[in-house]
Amino acid sequence: MLTPKIRRILQIGGGITANIFQAITCLAAESIESGIEHITDEAVESWRPPVSAETAFA
């Protein structure tokens, strides 16, 4: 059974492995920088992927 946190990460990634890894990497870096040192449910819910130039002009 998937936790809500994992389910949300999969939703954010849209089933694309590279997007899922990007989300996890960004969330992990943010958690370390904040001093929390673990990915919280709140961080996953509020995280938004950065907009790339390719997406912006699509």
N, C-alpha and C. Protein backbone atom coordinates (compact mmCIF):
# COMPACT_ATOMS: atom_id res chain seq x y z
N MET A 1 0.84 -1.19 0.00
CA MET A 1 0.00 0.00 0.00
C MET A 1 0.88 1.25 0.00
N LEU A 2 0.55 2.20 -0.85
CA LEU A 2 1.33 3.42 -0.96
C LEU A 2 0.87 4.44 0.07
N THR A 3 1.84 5.13 0.66
CA THR A 3 1.52 6.20 1.60
C THR A 3 1.05 7.42 0.80
N PRO A 4 0.32 8.33 1.42
CA PRO A 4 -0.10 9.53 0.70
C PRO A 4 1.08 10.33 0.14
N LYS A 5 2.21 10.33 0.86
CA LYS A 5 3.39 11.05 0.40
C LYS A 5 3.91 10.45 -0.91
N ILE A 6 4.02 9.14 -0.96
CA ILE A 6 4.51 8.46 -2.17
C ILE A 6 3.51 8.63 -3.30
N ARG A 7 2.24 8.51 -3.00
CA ARG A 7 1.19 8.68 -4.01
C ARG A 7 1.27 10.07 -4.64
N ARG A 8 1.50 11.10 -3.81
CA ARG A 8 1.58 12.47 -4.29
C ARG A 8 2.82 12.67 -5.17
N ILE A 9 3.96 12.09 -4.77
CA ILE A 9 5.17 12.20 -5.58
C ILE A 9 4.96 11.56 -6.95
N LEU A 10 4.29 10.42 -6.98
CA LEU A 10 3.99 9.77 -8.26
C LEU A 10 3.06 10.62 -9.11
N GLN A 11 2.11 11.28 -8.46
CA GLN A 11 1.18 12.16 -9.17
C GLN A 11 1.93 13.37 -9.75
N ILE A 12 2.80 13.96 -8.95
CA ILE A 12 3.58 15.11 -9.40
C ILE A 12 4.42 14.73 -10.61
N GLY A 13 5.03 13.54 -10.56
CA GLY A 13 5.91 13.09 -11.64
C GLY A 13 5.18 12.68 -12.89
N GLY A 14 3.89 12.47 -12.80
CA GLY A 14 3.11 12.10 -13.98
C GLY A 14 3.52 10.76 -14.57
N GLY A 15 4.11 9.91 -13.74
CA GLY A 15 4.51 8.59 -14.22
C GLY A 15 5.83 8.59 -14.98
N ILE A 16 6.47 9.73 -15.06
CA ILE A 16 7.74 9.85 -15.77
C ILE A 16 8.86 9.76 -14.73
N THR A 17 9.70 8.75 -14.90
CA THR A 17 10.74 8.47 -13.92
C THR A 17 11.63 9.68 -13.66
N ALA A 18 12.05 10.38 -14.69
CA ALA A 18 12.92 11.55 -14.52
C ALA A 18 12.25 12.62 -13.67
N ASN A 19 10.94 12.82 -13.85
CA ASN A 19 10.22 13.81 -13.05
C ASN A 19 10.11 13.38 -11.59
N ILE A 20 9.93 12.10 -11.37
CA ILE A 20 9.84 11.57 -10.00
C ILE A 20 11.18 11.77 -9.29
N PHE A 21 12.28 11.46 -9.98
CA PHE A 21 13.60 11.65 -9.38
C PHE A 21 13.88 13.12 -9.14
N GLN A 22 13.44 13.99 -10.04
CA GLN A 22 13.63 15.42 -9.85
C GLN A 22 12.89 15.89 -8.60
N ALA A 23 11.67 15.44 -8.43
CA ALA A 23 10.88 15.82 -7.26
C ALA A 23 11.56 15.35 -5.98
N ILE A 24 11.98 14.10 -5.95
CA ILE A 24 12.61 13.56 -4.75
C ILE A 24 13.92 14.29 -4.45
N THR A 25 14.71 14.56 -5.49
CA THR A 25 15.98 15.25 -5.31
C THR A 25 15.76 16.66 -4.76
N CYS A 26 14.82 17.39 -5.34
CA CYS A 26 14.53 18.75 -4.86
C CYS A 26 13.99 18.74 -3.44
N LEU A 27 13.08 17.83 -3.16
CA LEU A 27 12.51 17.73 -1.81
C LEU A 27 13.58 17.37 -0.79
N ALA A 28 14.48 16.47 -1.15
CA ALA A 28 15.55 16.07 -0.24
C ALA A 28 16.49 17.25 0.03
N ALA A 29 16.86 17.96 -1.02
CA ALA A 29 17.76 19.12 -0.85
C ALA A 29 17.11 20.19 0.02
N GLU A 30 15.82 20.46 -0.22
CA GLU A 30 15.11 21.45 0.59
C GLU A 30 15.05 21.03 2.06
N SER A 31 14.85 19.73 2.30
CA SER A 31 14.76 19.27 3.68
C SER A 31 16.10 19.38 4.40
N ILE A 32 17.19 19.13 3.70
CA ILE A 32 18.52 19.26 4.30
C ILE A 32 18.83 20.73 4.56
N GLU A 33 18.54 21.59 3.59
CA GLU A 33 18.80 23.02 3.75
C GLU A 33 18.00 23.63 4.90
N SER A 34 16.78 23.11 5.12
CA SER A 34 15.94 23.65 6.19
C SER A 34 16.32 23.12 7.56
N GLY A 35 17.15 22.06 7.59
CA GLY A 35 17.55 21.48 8.87
C GLY A 35 16.63 20.39 9.36
N ILE A 36 15.54 20.13 8.66
CA ILE A 36 14.59 19.09 9.05
C ILE A 36 15.18 17.70 8.78
N GLU A 37 15.89 17.59 7.67
CA GLU A 37 16.61 16.39 7.26
C GLU A 37 15.75 15.17 6.97
N HIS A 38 14.48 15.38 6.68
CA HIS A 38 13.61 14.33 6.13
C HIS A 38 12.49 15.01 5.36
N ILE A 39 11.95 14.31 4.40
CA ILE A 39 10.90 14.87 3.55
C ILE A 39 9.56 14.72 4.29
N THR A 40 8.94 15.84 4.57
CA THR A 40 7.67 15.82 5.30
C THR A 40 6.49 15.76 4.34
N ASP A 41 5.35 15.34 4.86
CA ASP A 41 4.12 15.33 4.07
C ASP A 41 3.78 16.74 3.59
N GLU A 42 3.99 17.72 4.46
CA GLU A 42 3.68 19.11 4.11
C GLU A 42 4.56 19.60 2.96
N ALA A 43 5.84 19.20 2.98
CA ALA A 43 6.75 19.61 1.91
C ALA A 43 6.31 19.01 0.58
N VAL A 44 5.90 17.76 0.60
CA VAL A 44 5.45 17.10 -0.62
C VAL A 44 4.19 17.78 -1.16
N GLU A 45 3.25 18.09 -0.28
CA GLU A 45 2.00 18.71 -0.71
C GLU A 45 2.21 20.11 -1.28
N SER A 46 3.17 20.85 -0.73
CA SER A 46 3.36 22.24 -1.19
C SER A 46 4.37 22.37 -2.32
N TRP A 47 5.11 21.29 -2.63
CA TRP A 47 6.15 21.37 -3.65
C TRP A 47 5.55 21.50 -5.04
N ARG A 48 6.13 22.37 -5.82
CA ARG A 48 5.73 22.53 -7.22
C ARG A 48 6.97 22.40 -8.08
N PRO A 49 6.88 21.68 -9.19
CA PRO A 49 8.07 21.53 -10.04
C PRO A 49 8.47 22.85 -10.66
N PRO A 50 9.77 23.05 -10.82
CA PRO A 50 10.21 24.29 -11.48
C PRO A 50 9.76 24.27 -12.94
N VAL A 51 9.46 25.43 -13.47
CA VAL A 51 9.01 25.53 -14.86
C VAL A 51 10.23 25.66 -15.74
N SER A 52 10.37 24.76 -16.68
CA SER A 52 11.50 24.83 -17.61
C SER A 52 11.14 25.73 -18.79
N ALA A 53 12.13 26.18 -19.50
CA ALA A 53 11.91 27.02 -20.67
C ALA A 53 11.10 26.27 -21.71
N GLU A 54 11.35 24.97 -21.85
CA GLU A 54 10.61 24.17 -22.82
C GLU A 54 9.13 24.13 -22.48
N THR A 55 8.80 23.99 -21.21
CA THR A 55 7.40 23.96 -20.79
C THR A 55 6.76 25.32 -20.95
N ALA A 56 7.49 26.38 -20.64
CA ALA A 56 6.95 27.72 -20.69
C ALA A 56 6.54 28.12 -22.10
N PHE A 57 7.22 27.60 -23.11
CA PHE A 57 6.93 27.99 -24.48
C PHE A 57 6.15 26.93 -25.25
N ALA A 58 5.69 25.93 -24.57
CA ALA A 58 4.94 24.86 -25.24
C ALA A 58 3.53 25.29 -25.54
